[in-house]
Amino acid sequence: MSQLQDHPLRYELTNELHTRPFPSMAAPGTVVFLALKQSTEVGRDADADRALLIKLLDRFGAKHPQPEATHYSGALGKHYLKWEQHTEFVTYTLFRDGLSERAFDPVDFDAFPADWMGAIDHLRMTSLIVRVEPRGSDDEIKEKVQEWFVPESVALSAMLDGAVVAGGDFRIDTAGHLRFALFVSKGTGHRRIGRVIQRICEIETYKTMSMLGFAKAKEMASDLNRNGAELTSLISQMPQAGHGAGEALNALLKVTAELESLSANSAYRFAATKAYAAIVNQRVEVLREERFQGRQTFREFMMRRYDPAMRTVTSTEERLNAMTNRATRAGNLLRTRVDVERSAQNQSLLESMDRRAGLQLRLQRTVEGLSVVAISYYAVSLAAYILYPFADIMQMSKGTLTALVTLPILLLVWWAIRRIHKQME
């Protein structure tokens, strides 16, 4: 076995599964979470993301990550930092022991230096504060939930076989952050608490990122309606298009080009939305929720508010694909009609050319006949001038001599022109 040659990526691929362990968190404690995205619609500059992290680490004298690292964990002053780099965004999570006197106090975000925050040119996708408390009585939990969250939006459930009760209203408070509270039963492992926190942060982040697809779908609605009406009008007029198929084809090609442009501009966002939505549903599933105090669960909140938005994205993508396919089929039909019309025009043109060729042939033969007469006239005249001196010797008049040579010369000229004509053919 020691002689077997490993694949060059064997260790890298295996270790990738263990590079992002769940954080460890004790109650009471506070978590602040920040997700940033570069302003570009697609892709990002990984070096810029790492440079931003290094600038933060330098403020606290913390060690730097590896040059190509996509994740980092380490002490940051009184906090513990967990940084992760994803396909479109980066996340910063700070953990600290203890709670602020004021629940969800915005000063918790002061752990990020003000000058560092002010120099960020990324866009904030989401930020949230998670308050982790030891679990008290159900009545205490009920009072705190009523005080901290908007009643009609709050989602509250027992998770992981009742080890944790988690709640939040998915609303942005006046400080610009979302709020979530965890009430932890005594004896719950620190890593178990960390898993719940990690999944709640991921649910919120991927939910927000997937909603970019919903915004894209809403943005495209007017263009789809306009192109859909024009496409329907063009298709309905196709049976009566007649000899205007060329103009109809040009209009249809314009609609098809706009639909293809919409498809190209939305393909990445819609594909990313599907992936993010799948992650959200998977993260909610692994929380193993149970209803608590009759409140809606996280799953029910997503089913009521989030799933319709994702269905809108799916239906918009399907509608765009269907319209593109209709436009392509209609274009093929019109293109066939245009080809048939052009074939008929070409046939008519060929018939006209045949008629003109026949007329030219008859005219050519007429000209040939006239040319025989003309050439013969000049040839007889020349021959007469040559033979006139012999007229007296032959005791013939000039007229008689001219008459005798006319017919042979005429036949000779006719034969010569025919020979030339045959050689040319």
Protein backbone atom coordinates (compact mmCIF):
# COMPACT_ATOMS: atom_id res chain seq x y z
CA MET A 1 0.00 0.00 0.00
CA SER A 2 2.91 2.37 0.72
CA GLN A 3 3.89 2.16 -2.95
CA LEU A 4 0.54 3.48 -4.18
CA GLN A 5 0.71 6.93 -5.74
CA ASP A 6 -1.80 9.44 -4.34
CA HIS A 7 -3.78 11.77 -6.54
CA PRO A 8 -2.23 15.26 -6.31
CA LEU A 9 -5.46 16.65 -4.84
CA ARG A 10 -6.27 13.78 -2.48
CA TYR A 11 -5.28 15.50 0.78
CA GLU A 12 -6.53 18.89 -0.33
CA LEU A 13 -9.98 17.55 -1.19
CA THR A 14 -10.22 15.50 2.00
CA ASN A 15 -9.11 18.37 4.22
CA GLU A 16 -11.60 20.71 2.54
CA LEU A 17 -14.38 18.88 4.39
CA HIS A 18 -12.79 19.82 7.72
CA THR A 19 -11.65 23.37 7.04
CA ARG A 20 -14.73 25.14 8.44
CA PRO A 21 -15.59 23.58 11.81
CA PHE A 22 -18.58 24.78 13.77
CA PRO A 23 -17.78 27.48 16.34
CA SER A 24 -17.90 26.84 20.05
CA MET A 25 -20.15 29.10 22.12
CA ALA A 26 -21.21 29.20 25.75
CA ALA A 27 -24.22 30.82 27.37
CA PRO A 28 -24.43 33.66 28.17
CA GLY A 29 -22.74 35.17 25.15
CA THR A 30 -23.14 37.56 22.25
CA VAL A 31 -22.54 37.05 18.53
CA VAL A 32 -22.31 39.81 15.92
CA PHE A 33 -22.39 38.77 12.28
CA LEU A 34 -21.63 40.75 9.13
CA ALA A 35 -21.93 39.62 5.49
CA LEU A 36 -20.34 41.80 2.80
CA LYS A 37 -20.55 41.63 -0.98
CA GLN A 38 -18.52 43.52 -3.54
CA SER A 39 -20.46 45.88 -5.77
CA THR A 40 -19.90 43.80 -8.91
CA GLU A 41 -22.93 41.86 -10.09
CA VAL A 42 -20.97 38.68 -10.85
CA GLY A 43 -17.71 37.48 -9.30
CA ARG A 44 -15.46 39.22 -6.84
CA ASP A 45 -11.86 40.15 -6.12
CA ALA A 46 -10.60 37.58 -3.61
CA ASP A 47 -7.43 39.59 -2.95
CA ALA A 48 -9.50 42.64 -1.99
CA ASP A 49 -11.48 40.52 0.47
CA ARG A 50 -8.29 39.23 2.11
CA ALA A 51 -6.79 42.72 2.18
CA LEU A 52 -9.84 43.95 4.10
CA LEU A 53 -9.46 41.11 6.60
CA ILE A 54 -5.74 41.80 7.04
CA LYS A 55 -6.46 45.47 7.71
CA LEU A 56 -8.80 44.41 10.52
CA LEU A 57 -6.29 41.91 11.95
CA ASP A 58 -3.52 44.51 11.93
CA ARG A 59 -5.63 46.75 14.15
CA PHE A 60 -5.44 44.09 16.86
CA GLY A 61 -1.98 42.71 16.08
CA ALA A 62 -3.45 39.34 15.15
CA LYS A 63 -1.67 36.88 12.88
CA HIS A 64 -2.44 36.87 9.16
CA PRO A 65 -4.18 34.04 7.28
CA GLN A 66 -2.41 31.93 4.69
CA PRO A 67 -2.00 33.66 1.28
CA GLU A 68 -4.76 31.70 -0.45
CA ALA A 69 -6.93 31.04 2.61
CA THR A 70 -10.71 31.18 2.24
CA HIS A 71 -11.39 31.00 5.98
CA TYR A 72 -9.78 32.21 9.18
CA SER A 73 -10.36 31.83 12.90
CA GLY A 74 -8.52 33.53 15.73
CA ALA A 75 -8.62 35.83 18.71
CA LEU A 76 -9.43 39.47 18.04
CA GLY A 77 -9.05 41.38 21.26
CA LYS A 78 -11.79 40.25 23.63
CA HIS A 79 -13.60 38.56 20.76
CA TYR A 80 -13.07 35.46 18.68
CA LEU A 81 -13.25 36.06 14.93
CA LYS A 82 -14.51 33.60 12.33
CA TRP A 83 -14.03 34.81 8.73
CA GLU A 84 -15.23 32.91 5.67
CA GLN A 85 -14.94 33.68 1.99
CA HIS A 86 -17.72 32.44 -0.28
CA THR A 87 -18.43 32.62 -3.99
CA GLU A 88 -20.09 36.04 -3.87
CA PHE A 89 -19.60 37.33 -0.36
CA VAL A 90 -17.49 37.21 2.81
CA THR A 91 -18.71 36.87 6.38
CA TYR A 92 -17.30 38.15 9.68
CA THR A 93 -18.56 36.56 12.90
CA LEU A 94 -17.43 37.80 16.32
CA PHE A 95 -18.06 35.75 19.48
CA ARG A 96 -17.70 37.02 23.02
CA ASP A 97 -18.73 35.87 26.44
CA GLY A 98 -21.31 37.83 28.40
CA LEU A 99 -24.27 40.00 27.51
CA SER A 100 -24.85 43.72 27.22
CA GLU A 101 -27.09 45.28 29.82
CA ARG A 102 -29.38 46.42 27.03
CA ALA A 103 -30.62 43.58 24.84
CA PHE A 104 -29.35 43.81 21.26
CA ASP A 105 -27.37 46.95 22.00
CA PRO A 106 -25.92 48.42 18.76
CA VAL A 107 -22.66 49.06 20.62
CA ASP A 108 -21.97 45.34 20.26
CA PHE A 109 -20.93 46.17 16.69
CA ASP A 110 -18.29 48.55 18.04
CA ALA A 111 -16.07 45.48 18.17
CA PHE A 112 -15.44 46.37 14.52
CA PRO A 113 -13.32 49.57 14.59
CA ALA A 114 -15.16 52.62 13.27
CA ASP A 115 -12.38 53.65 10.89
CA TRP A 116 -12.21 50.10 9.48
CA MET A 117 -15.97 50.10 8.96
CA GLY A 118 -15.81 53.52 7.35
CA ALA A 119 -13.17 52.41 4.83
CA ILE A 120 -15.17 49.41 3.58
CA ASP A 121 -16.21 49.78 -0.05
CA HIS A 122 -18.16 46.49 0.02
CA LEU A 123 -21.94 46.38 0.29
CA ARG A 124 -23.57 45.06 3.45
CA MET A 125 -25.88 42.20 2.61
CA THR A 126 -26.90 41.51 6.19
CA SER A 127 -25.80 42.06 9.75
CA LEU A 128 -27.28 40.56 12.86
CA ILE A 129 -26.87 40.24 16.61
CA VAL A 130 -27.45 36.90 18.30
CA ARG A 131 -28.09 36.99 22.05
CA VAL A 132 -27.38 33.68 23.80
CA GLU A 133 -28.95 33.31 27.25
CA PRO A 134 -29.41 30.42 29.67
CA ARG A 135 -32.94 29.12 29.36
CA GLY A 136 -35.38 30.24 32.02
CA SER A 137 -39.06 29.46 32.36
CA ASP A 138 -41.40 29.50 29.37
CA ASP A 139 -43.09 32.60 30.75
CA GLU A 140 -39.76 34.46 30.88
CA ILE A 141 -39.07 33.48 27.29
CA LYS A 142 -42.53 34.66 26.27
CA GLU A 143 -42.04 38.07 27.94
CA LYS A 144 -38.67 38.63 26.34
CA VAL A 145 -39.89 37.61 22.90
CA GLN A 146 -42.81 40.02 23.17
CA GLU A 147 -40.47 42.80 24.25
CA TRP A 148 -37.73 42.24 21.67
CA PHE A 149 -39.54 41.21 18.46
CA VAL A 150 -42.44 42.31 16.26
CA PRO A 151 -45.29 39.93 17.20
CA GLU A 152 -46.74 39.31 13.73
CA SER A 153 -43.35 38.38 12.28
CA VAL A 154 -41.69 36.47 15.09
CA ALA A 155 -40.62 32.87 14.52
CA LEU A 156 -39.96 30.87 17.66
CA SER A 157 -39.26 27.16 18.02
CA ALA A 158 -37.48 24.55 20.08
CA MET A 159 -34.52 23.05 18.24
CA LEU A 160 -32.28 20.02 18.47
CA ASP A 161 -34.66 17.97 20.60
CA GLY A 162 -35.48 20.94 22.81
CA ALA A 163 -31.88 21.78 23.71
CA VAL A 164 -32.28 25.32 22.39
CA VAL A 165 -35.22 27.66 21.93
CA ALA A 166 -34.45 30.18 19.17
CA GLY A 167 -36.48 33.15 17.99
CA GLY A 168 -36.30 36.16 15.70
CA ASP A 169 -38.53 38.33 13.55
CA PHE A 170 -36.30 38.68 10.45
CA ARG A 171 -36.75 42.46 10.61
CA ILE A 172 -34.07 45.16 10.47
CA ASP A 173 -34.04 47.30 13.61
CA THR A 174 -33.33 51.03 13.83
CA ALA A 175 -29.58 50.36 14.05
CA GLY A 176 -29.65 48.39 10.79
CA HIS A 177 -29.27 44.89 12.27
CA LEU A 178 -31.44 41.80 12.57
CA ARG A 179 -32.02 40.22 15.98
CA PHE A 180 -32.06 36.59 17.05
CA ALA A 181 -32.22 35.16 20.55
CA LEU A 182 -31.16 31.72 21.77
CA PHE A 183 -32.34 30.33 25.10
CA VAL A 184 -30.05 27.41 25.92
CA SER A 185 -30.97 24.54 28.23
CA LYS A 186 -28.52 23.66 30.95
CA GLY A 187 -25.97 21.04 29.92
CA THR A 188 -26.13 21.84 26.20
CA GLY A 189 -22.70 21.41 24.62
CA HIS A 190 -20.83 24.47 23.42
CA ARG A 191 -20.39 23.10 19.92
CA ARG A 192 -24.08 22.29 19.76
CA ILE A 193 -24.85 25.93 20.53
CA GLY A 194 -22.30 26.94 17.91
CA ARG A 195 -24.02 24.79 15.28
CA VAL A 196 -27.37 26.50 15.91
CA ILE A 197 -25.74 29.95 15.69
CA GLN A 198 -23.91 28.99 12.50
CA ARG A 199 -27.09 27.73 10.86
CA ILE A 200 -29.14 30.78 11.84
CA CYS A 201 -26.47 33.06 10.37
CA GLU A 202 -26.38 30.96 7.21
CA ILE A 203 -30.16 30.96 6.90
CA GLU A 204 -30.28 34.74 7.07
CA THR A 205 -27.31 35.23 4.73
CA TYR A 206 -28.40 32.79 2.04
CA LYS A 207 -31.97 34.03 2.32
CA THR A 208 -30.77 37.56 1.60
CA MET A 209 -28.53 36.48 -1.27
CA SER A 210 -31.31 34.43 -2.85
CA MET A 211 -33.66 37.41 -2.65
CA LEU A 212 -31.37 39.14 -5.18
CA GLY A 213 -32.92 36.76 -7.70
CA PHE A 214 -36.38 37.90 -6.64
CA ALA A 215 -35.33 41.53 -7.18
CA LYS A 216 -34.01 40.55 -10.62
CA ALA A 217 -37.30 38.85 -11.46
CA LYS A 218 -39.28 41.97 -10.47
CA GLU A 219 -36.93 44.15 -12.51
CA MET A 220 -37.50 41.97 -15.59
CA ALA A 221 -41.29 41.87 -15.26
CA SER A 222 -42.02 44.95 -17.39
CA ASP A 223 -39.61 43.83 -20.14
CA LEU A 224 -41.13 40.36 -20.18
CA ASN A 225 -44.66 41.77 -20.37
CA ARG A 226 -43.74 44.08 -23.23
CA ASN A 227 -41.87 41.45 -25.21
CA GLY A 228 -44.54 38.86 -24.47
CA ALA A 229 -47.30 41.10 -25.86
CA GLU A 230 -45.26 41.91 -28.95
CA LEU A 231 -44.38 38.26 -29.48
CA THR A 232 -48.03 37.19 -29.18
CA SER A 233 -49.05 39.89 -31.66
CA LEU A 234 -46.41 38.82 -34.18
CA ILE A 235 -47.33 35.13 -33.90
CA SER A 236 -51.05 35.86 -34.28
CA GLN A 237 -50.34 37.86 -37.45
CA MET A 238 -48.20 35.15 -39.02
CA PRO A 239 -51.06 33.44 -40.98
CA GLN A 240 -51.93 36.81 -42.57
CA ALA A 241 -48.33 37.90 -43.03
CA GLY A 242 -48.50 37.25 -46.78
CA HIS A 243 -45.69 38.96 -48.61
CA GLY A 244 -44.75 40.91 -45.45
CA ALA A 245 -42.99 37.91 -43.91
CA GLY A 246 -39.63 39.64 -44.22
CA GLU A 247 -40.74 42.62 -42.13
CA ALA A 248 -42.37 40.29 -39.58
CA LEU A 249 -39.16 38.26 -39.38
CA ASN A 250 -37.10 41.37 -38.67
CA ALA A 251 -39.49 42.38 -35.87
CA LEU A 252 -39.41 38.87 -34.46
CA LEU A 253 -35.61 38.79 -34.54
CA LYS A 254 -35.57 42.03 -32.53
CA VAL A 255 -37.82 40.47 -29.86
CA THR A 256 -35.70 37.30 -29.83
CA ALA A 257 -32.52 39.33 -29.37
CA GLU A 258 -34.03 41.18 -26.38
CA LEU A 259 -35.16 37.90 -24.82
CA GLU A 260 -31.70 36.39 -25.29
CA SER A 261 -30.19 39.47 -23.66
CA LEU A 262 -32.53 39.12 -20.67
CA SER A 263 -31.64 35.45 -20.42
CA ALA A 264 -27.90 36.13 -20.52
CA ASN A 265 -28.16 38.88 -17.90
CA SER A 266 -30.24 36.81 -15.49
CA ALA A 267 -28.86 33.29 -15.96
CA TYR A 268 -26.17 33.56 -13.28
CA ARG A 269 -28.42 35.27 -10.73
CA PHE A 270 -31.26 32.77 -11.19
CA ALA A 271 -28.88 29.80 -10.93
CA ALA A 272 -27.32 31.27 -7.78
CA THR A 273 -30.79 31.85 -6.32
CA LYS A 274 -31.68 28.19 -6.77
CA ALA A 275 -28.49 27.12 -5.01
CA TYR A 276 -28.98 29.58 -2.14
CA ALA A 277 -32.63 28.60 -1.69
CA ALA A 278 -31.65 24.93 -1.48
CA ILE A 279 -29.11 25.76 1.24
CA VAL A 280 -31.70 27.76 3.20
CA ASN A 281 -34.18 24.88 3.14
CA GLN A 282 -31.48 22.40 4.11
CA ARG A 283 -30.29 24.53 7.03
CA VAL A 284 -33.84 24.90 8.32
CA GLU A 285 -34.37 21.16 8.02
CA VAL A 286 -31.34 20.21 10.14
CA LEU A 287 -32.52 22.45 13.03
CA ARG A 288 -35.14 19.76 13.83
CA GLU A 289 -37.72 22.30 14.95
CA GLU A 290 -40.63 21.74 17.30
CA ARG A 291 -43.47 24.19 17.86
CA PHE A 292 -43.04 26.32 20.99
CA GLN A 293 -45.87 28.23 22.71
CA GLY A 294 -47.97 28.00 19.54
CA ARG A 295 -45.64 30.31 17.60
CA GLN A 296 -44.77 29.81 13.96
CA THR A 297 -41.53 27.96 13.36
CA PHE A 298 -38.68 29.09 11.14
CA ARG A 299 -39.89 26.61 8.50
CA GLU A 300 -43.41 28.04 8.59
CA PHE A 301 -42.05 31.58 8.29
CA MET A 302 -40.04 30.55 5.22
CA MET A 303 -42.99 28.71 3.73
CA ARG A 304 -45.25 31.71 4.15
CA ARG A 305 -42.92 34.59 3.25
CA TYR A 306 -39.84 33.19 1.54
CA ASP A 307 -41.07 30.32 -0.62
CA PRO A 308 -43.46 32.50 -2.69
CA ALA A 309 -40.54 34.77 -3.60
CA MET A 310 -38.50 31.77 -4.74
CA ARG A 311 -41.46 30.45 -6.75
CA THR A 312 -41.66 33.84 -8.43
CA VAL A 313 -38.02 33.51 -9.47
CA THR A 314 -38.65 30.01 -10.81
CA SER A 315 -41.76 31.03 -12.72
CA THR A 316 -39.98 34.07 -14.19
CA GLU A 317 -37.13 31.90 -15.41
CA GLU A 318 -39.54 29.35 -16.89
CA ARG A 319 -41.55 32.12 -18.53
CA LEU A 320 -38.41 33.61 -20.05
CA ASN A 321 -37.30 30.23 -21.38
CA ALA A 322 -40.77 29.51 -22.80
CA MET A 323 -40.91 32.91 -24.54
CA THR A 324 -37.43 32.39 -25.98
CA ASN A 325 -38.42 28.97 -27.32
CA ARG A 326 -41.65 30.38 -28.82
CA ALA A 327 -39.73 33.18 -30.49
CA THR A 328 -37.21 30.69 -31.89
CA ARG A 329 -39.94 28.42 -33.30
CA ALA A 330 -41.82 31.37 -34.78
CA GLY A 331 -38.58 32.66 -36.28
CA ASN A 332 -37.95 29.30 -37.92
CA LEU A 333 -41.46 29.31 -39.43
CA LEU A 334 -41.12 32.85 -40.73
CA ARG A 335 -37.66 32.08 -42.06
CA THR A 336 -39.14 29.14 -43.98
CA ARG A 337 -41.87 31.40 -45.39
CA VAL A 338 -39.29 33.99 -46.44
CA ASP A 339 -37.25 31.25 -48.14
CA VAL A 340 -40.34 30.05 -50.02
CA GLU A 341 -41.14 33.61 -51.12
CA ARG A 342 -37.58 34.12 -52.29
CA SER A 343 -37.68 30.83 -54.16
CA ALA A 344 -40.85 31.96 -55.95
CA GLN A 345 -39.22 35.29 -56.76
CA ASN A 346 -36.14 33.50 -58.06
CA GLN A 347 -38.33 31.23 -60.20
CA SER A 348 -40.13 34.23 -61.66
CA LEU A 349 -36.80 35.92 -62.30
CA LEU A 350 -35.46 32.83 -64.08
CA GLU A 351 -38.56 32.66 -66.29
CA SER A 352 -38.16 36.31 -67.16
CA MET A 353 -34.51 35.72 -67.97
CA ASP A 354 -35.50 32.77 -70.21
CA ARG A 355 -37.94 34.97 -72.08
CA ARG A 356 -35.34 37.67 -72.55
CA ALA A 357 -32.81 35.07 -73.68
CA GLY A 358 -35.30 33.80 -76.31
CA LEU A 359 -35.93 37.34 -77.54
CA GLN A 360 -32.21 37.98 -77.69
CA LEU A 361 -31.72 34.75 -79.67
CA ARG A 362 -34.37 35.73 -82.21
CA LEU A 363 -32.94 39.21 -82.44
CA GLN A 364 -29.49 37.74 -82.89
CA ARG A 365 -30.70 35.55 -85.76
CA THR A 366 -32.41 38.53 -87.34
CA VAL A 367 -29.20 40.50 -87.07
CA GLU A 368 -27.27 37.58 -88.55
CA GLY A 369 -29.62 37.55 -91.55
CA LEU A 370 -29.22 41.26 -92.04
CA SER A 371 -25.47 40.96 -91.63
CA VAL A 372 -25.39 38.33 -94.45
CA VAL A 373 -27.16 40.77 -96.76
CA ALA A 374 -24.95 43.69 -95.77
CA ILE A 375 -21.70 41.75 -96.10
CA SER A 376 -22.84 40.22 -99.37
CA TYR A 377 -23.67 43.70 -100.73
CA TYR A 378 -20.18 44.97 -100.03
CA ALA A 379 -18.60 41.71 -101.26
CA VAL A 380 -20.54 41.85 -104.57
CA SER A 381 -19.49 45.46 -105.01
CA LEU A 382 -15.84 44.59 -104.50
CA ALA A 383 -16.08 41.55 -106.79
CA ALA A 384 -17.77 43.65 -109.50
CA TYR A 385 -14.97 46.20 -109.44
CA ILE A 386 -12.48 43.36 -109.76
CA LEU A 387 -14.34 41.66 -112.67
CA TYR A 388 -15.40 44.76 -114.65
CA PRO A 389 -12.15 44.79 -116.75
CA PHE A 390 -13.01 41.30 -117.99
CA ALA A 391 -16.57 42.19 -119.03
CA ASP A 392 -15.54 43.24 -122.56
CA ILE A 393 -13.39 40.14 -123.00
CA MET A 394 -16.33 37.95 -121.97
CA GLN A 395 -18.65 40.09 -124.11
CA MET A 396 -20.93 40.67 -121.14
CA SER A 397 -22.43 43.81 -119.72
CA LYS A 398 -21.41 44.96 -116.23
CA GLY A 399 -24.93 44.34 -114.93
CA THR A 400 -24.96 40.78 -116.23
CA LEU A 401 -21.57 40.11 -114.68
CA THR A 402 -22.68 41.54 -111.33
CA ALA A 403 -25.83 39.39 -111.40
CA LEU A 404 -23.82 36.25 -112.05
CA VAL A 405 -21.52 36.70 -109.02
CA THR A 406 -24.18 37.88 -106.61
CA LEU A 407 -25.72 34.50 -105.78
CA PRO A 408 -22.41 32.63 -105.23
CA ILE A 409 -21.10 35.41 -103.03
CA LEU A 410 -24.33 35.48 -101.04
CA LEU A 411 -24.13 31.73 -100.46
CA LEU A 412 -20.47 31.95 -99.56
CA VAL A 413 -21.07 34.69 -96.98
CA TRP A 414 -23.98 32.80 -95.46
CA TRP A 415 -21.85 29.65 -95.18
CA ALA A 416 -18.96 31.54 -93.60
CA ILE A 417 -21.18 33.18 -90.93
CA ARG A 418 -22.80 29.86 -90.09
CA ARG A 419 -19.36 28.25 -89.71
CA ILE A 420 -18.21 31.02 -87.39
CA HIS A 421 -21.42 30.72 -85.34
CA LYS A 422 -20.95 26.97 -84.90
CA GLN A 423 -17.34 27.38 -83.85
CA MET A 424 -18.39 29.91 -81.21
CA GLU A 425 -21.06 27.55 -79.86
